[in-house]
Amino acid sequence: MARVETKNFSSPDETREFKGKGRAQVVVVNGRSVSKSTFEPGWKWSVNLKPIAQTELCQVEHFGYVVSGRMRVIMADGSQFEAGPDDLFSLPPGHDAEVIGDEPCVLVDFGQVDTYAKAPGD
């Protein structure tokens, strides 16, 4: 029989800081990591997470839901899209991203959370 497990982002298993511009709260539920990330105004992946990831672009696959705020994503080929409240997104590796406006962007990510905002080998 399947095991029932509940967790809450108010007591995350791990918190990963974004160089002073936000954080990811990570919970592990039945062996699967899920994050709730808050990206502060002015946050940009290439400024706040590139030094941590040590890659030219974000190499994590994301699958998530935007709770609030707006984010612009710039793909390696130059194409762009924006996501805002109540948007669901599926995002392949190879992108930069930035918060749009003066409101924090909060999103829940069910993608490759295990490696997001972590240095190689961590």
C-alpha atoms as a PDB file:
ATOM      1  CA  MET A   1       0.000   0.000   0.000  1.00  0.00           C
ATOM      2  CA  ALA A   2       1.228   3.517  -0.805  1.00  0.00           C
ATOM      3  CA  ARG A   3       2.492   5.609   2.060  1.00  0.00           C
ATOM      4  CA  VAL A   4       0.836   8.934   2.880  1.00  0.00           C
ATOM      5  CA  GLU A   5       3.187  11.745   3.844  1.00  0.00           C
ATOM      6  CA  THR A   6       2.568  15.449   4.312  1.00  0.00           C
ATOM      7  CA  LYS A   7       5.037  18.297   4.662  1.00  0.00           C
ATOM      8  CA  ASN A   8       4.780  22.065   4.883  1.00  0.00           C
ATOM      9  CA  PHE A   9       7.005  24.802   3.479  1.00  0.00           C
ATOM     10  CA  SER A  10       6.905  26.539   6.881  1.00  0.00           C
ATOM     11  CA  SER A  11       9.252  23.758   8.081  1.00  0.00           C
ATOM     12  CA  PRO A  12      11.397  22.987   5.019  1.00  0.00           C
ATOM     13  CA  ASP A  13      13.950  20.194   4.970  1.00  0.00           C
ATOM     14  CA  GLU A  14      16.445  22.638   3.448  1.00  0.00           C
ATOM     15  CA  THR A  15      16.687  26.338   2.608  1.00  0.00           C
ATOM     16  CA  ARG A  16      18.954  27.534  -0.212  1.00  0.00           C
ATOM     17  CA  GLU A  17      19.825  31.241  -0.344  1.00  0.00           C
ATOM     18  CA  PHE A  18      20.011  33.181  -3.633  1.00  0.00           C
ATOM     19  CA  LYS A  19      22.933  35.525  -2.877  1.00  0.00           C
ATOM     20  CA  GLY A  20      20.765  37.996  -0.946  1.00  0.00           C
ATOM     21  CA  LYS A  21      17.868  38.110  -3.441  1.00  0.00           C
ATOM     22  CA  GLY A  22      15.650  35.288  -2.211  1.00  0.00           C
ATOM     23  CA  ARG A  23      15.646  31.635  -1.289  1.00  0.00           C
ATOM     24  CA  ALA A  24      14.311  28.190  -2.104  1.00  0.00           C
ATOM     25  CA  GLN A  25      12.552  26.246   0.627  1.00  0.00           C
ATOM     26  CA  VAL A  26      12.851  22.554  -0.223  1.00  0.00           C
ATOM     27  CA  VAL A  27      10.741  19.736   1.180  1.00  0.00           C
ATOM     28  CA  VAL A  28      11.121  16.048   0.394  1.00  0.00           C
ATOM     29  CA  VAL A  29       7.826  14.157   0.202  1.00  0.00           C
ATOM     30  CA  ASN A  30       7.947  10.402  -0.368  1.00  0.00           C
ATOM     31  CA  GLY A  31      11.466  10.774  -1.749  1.00  0.00           C
ATOM     32  CA  ARG A  32      10.626  13.597  -4.180  1.00  0.00           C
ATOM     33  CA  SER A  33      11.951  17.137  -3.718  1.00  0.00           C
ATOM     34  CA  VAL A  34       9.624  20.111  -4.217  1.00  0.00           C
ATOM     35  CA  SER A  35      10.622  23.746  -3.761  1.00  0.00           C
ATOM     36  CA  LYS A  36       8.842  26.976  -3.001  1.00  0.00           C
ATOM     37  CA  SER A  37      11.115  29.765  -4.168  1.00  0.00           C
ATOM     38  CA  THR A  38      10.886  33.474  -3.475  1.00  0.00           C
ATOM     39  CA  PHE A  39      12.795  35.650  -5.942  1.00  0.00           C
ATOM     40  CA  GLU A  40      13.180  39.254  -4.773  1.00  0.00           C
ATOM     41  CA  PRO A  41      12.868  42.249  -7.127  1.00  0.00           C
ATOM     42  CA  GLY A  42      16.145  42.651  -9.017  1.00  0.00           C
ATOM     43  CA  TRP A  43      16.893  38.910  -8.922  1.00  0.00           C
ATOM     44  CA  LYS A  44      18.483  37.517 -12.076  1.00  0.00           C
ATOM     45  CA  TRP A  45      19.759  33.955 -12.497  1.00  0.00           C
ATOM     46  CA  SER A  46      22.992  35.067 -14.222  1.00  0.00           C
ATOM     47  CA  VAL A  47      23.791  37.384 -11.283  1.00  0.00           C
ATOM     48  CA  ASN A  48      22.414  35.589  -8.227  1.00  0.00           C
ATOM     49  CA  LEU A  49      22.687  31.872  -9.064  1.00  0.00           C
ATOM     50  CA  LYS A  50      25.290  31.541 -11.814  1.00  0.00           C
ATOM     51  CA  PRO A  51      28.119  31.907  -9.228  1.00  0.00           C
ATOM     52  CA  ILE A  52      26.569  29.023  -7.269  1.00  0.00           C
ATOM     53  CA  ALA A  53      25.736  26.733 -10.219  1.00  0.00           C
ATOM     54  CA  GLN A  54      29.006  27.497 -12.031  1.00  0.00           C
ATOM     55  CA  THR A  55      27.348  27.064 -15.449  1.00  0.00           C
ATOM     56  CA  GLU A  56      26.794  29.641 -18.190  1.00  0.00           C
ATOM     57  CA  LEU A  57      22.999  29.126 -18.124  1.00  0.00           C
ATOM     58  CA  CYS A  58      20.642  27.320 -15.762  1.00  0.00           C
ATOM     59  CA  GLN A  59      20.872  23.609 -16.544  1.00  0.00           C
ATOM     60  CA  VAL A  60      17.898  22.542 -14.418  1.00  0.00           C
ATOM     61  CA  GLU A  61      14.571  21.417 -15.864  1.00  0.00           C
ATOM     62  CA  HIS A  62      11.675  23.197 -14.129  1.00  0.00           C
ATOM     63  CA  PHE A  63       8.010  22.215 -13.930  1.00  0.00           C
ATOM     64  CA  GLY A  64       5.973  24.485 -11.751  1.00  0.00           C
ATOM     65  CA  TYR A  65       3.327  26.994 -10.786  1.00  0.00           C
ATOM     66  CA  VAL A  66       3.635  30.764 -10.256  1.00  0.00           C
ATOM     67  CA  VAL A  67       1.946  31.854  -7.020  1.00  0.00           C
ATOM     68  CA  SER A  68       2.650  35.585  -7.342  1.00  0.00           C
ATOM     69  CA  GLY A  69       4.857  38.098  -9.128  1.00  0.00           C
ATOM     70  CA  ARG A  70       6.290  37.850 -12.651  1.00  0.00           C
ATOM     71  CA  MET A  71       9.374  36.295 -14.185  1.00  0.00           C
ATOM     72  CA  ARG A  72      10.928  36.597 -17.634  1.00  0.00           C
ATOM     73  CA  VAL A  73      12.835  33.607 -19.007  1.00  0.00           C
ATOM     74  CA  ILE A  74      15.417  33.974 -21.774  1.00  0.00           C
ATOM     75  CA  MET A  75      16.319  30.740 -23.560  1.00  0.00           C
ATOM     76  CA  ALA A  76      19.771  30.013 -25.023  1.00  0.00           C
ATOM     77  CA  ASP A  77      18.395  30.651 -28.547  1.00  0.00           C
ATOM     78  CA  GLY A  78      17.231  34.149 -27.514  1.00  0.00           C
ATOM     79  CA  SER A  79      13.518  33.341 -27.342  1.00  0.00           C
ATOM     80  CA  GLN A  80      11.712  34.698 -24.277  1.00  0.00           C
ATOM     81  CA  PHE A  81       8.521  34.200 -22.333  1.00  0.00           C
ATOM     82  CA  GLU A  82       6.959  35.613 -19.191  1.00  0.00           C
ATOM     83  CA  ALA A  83       5.068  33.811 -16.459  1.00  0.00           C
ATOM     84  CA  GLY A  84       2.828  35.341 -13.816  1.00  0.00           C
ATOM     85  CA  PRO A  85       0.220  34.434 -11.203  1.00  0.00           C
ATOM     86  CA  ASP A  86      -1.628  31.155 -11.815  1.00  0.00           C
ATOM     87  CA  ASP A  87       0.609  30.229 -14.773  1.00  0.00           C
ATOM     88  CA  LEU A  88       1.955  26.698 -15.014  1.00  0.00           C
ATOM     89  CA  PHE A  89       5.259  26.222 -16.788  1.00  0.00           C
ATOM     90  CA  SER A  90       7.522  23.535 -18.179  1.00  0.00           C
ATOM     91  CA  LEU A  91      11.016  24.843 -18.787  1.00  0.00           C
ATOM     92  CA  PRO A  92      13.918  22.882 -20.304  1.00  0.00           C
ATOM     93  CA  PRO A  93      17.549  23.428 -19.293  1.00  0.00           C
ATOM     94  CA  GLY A  94      19.527  26.230 -20.960  1.00  0.00           C
ATOM     95  CA  HIS A  95      18.026  29.511 -19.786  1.00  0.00           C
ATOM     96  CA  ASP A  96      18.516  32.716 -17.828  1.00  0.00           C
ATOM     97  CA  ALA A  97      15.656  34.332 -15.900  1.00  0.00           C
ATOM     98  CA  GLU A  98      14.820  37.560 -14.076  1.00  0.00           C
ATOM     99  CA  VAL A  99      12.101  39.013 -11.883  1.00  0.00           C
ATOM    100  CA  ILE A 100       9.944  41.623 -13.598  1.00  0.00           C
ATOM    101  CA  GLY A 101       8.683  44.572 -11.562  1.00  0.00           C
ATOM    102  CA  ASP A 102       8.881  45.450  -7.892  1.00  0.00           C
ATOM    103  CA  GLU A 103       6.983  42.478  -6.440  1.00  0.00           C
ATOM    104  CA  PRO A 104       8.715  39.251  -5.381  1.00  0.00           C
ATOM    105  CA  CYS A 105       8.045  36.272  -7.636  1.00  0.00           C
ATOM    106  CA  VAL A 106       6.981  33.176  -5.719  1.00  0.00           C
ATOM    107  CA  LEU A 107       6.770  29.822  -7.456  1.00  0.00           C
ATOM    108  CA  VAL A 108       6.460  26.150  -6.627  1.00  0.00           C
ATOM    109  CA  ASP A 109       8.736  23.832  -8.620  1.00  0.00           C
ATOM    110  CA  PHE A 110       8.233  20.080  -9.044  1.00  0.00           C
ATOM    111  CA  GLY A 111      11.131  19.733 -11.548  1.00  0.00           C
ATOM    112  CA  GLN A 112      14.793  18.908 -10.953  1.00  0.00           C
ATOM    113  CA  VAL A 113      14.816  20.548  -7.543  1.00  0.00           C
ATOM    114  CA  ASP A 114      17.561  18.279  -6.171  1.00  0.00           C
ATOM    115  CA  THR A 115      20.288  20.247  -7.978  1.00  0.00           C
ATOM    116  CA  TYR A 116      18.755  23.733  -8.173  1.00  0.00           C
ATOM    117  CA  ALA A 117      20.717  26.530  -6.437  1.00  0.00           C
ATOM    118  CA  LYS A 118      23.427  24.108  -5.334  1.00  0.00           C
ATOM    119  CA  ALA A 119      27.103  24.132  -6.156  1.00  0.00           C
ATOM    120  CA  PRO A 120      28.410  21.163  -8.159  1.00  0.00           C
ATOM    121  CA  GLY A 121      29.129  18.291  -5.809  1.00  0.00           C
ATOM    122  CA  ASP A 122      26.852  19.590  -3.018  1.00  0.00           C
END
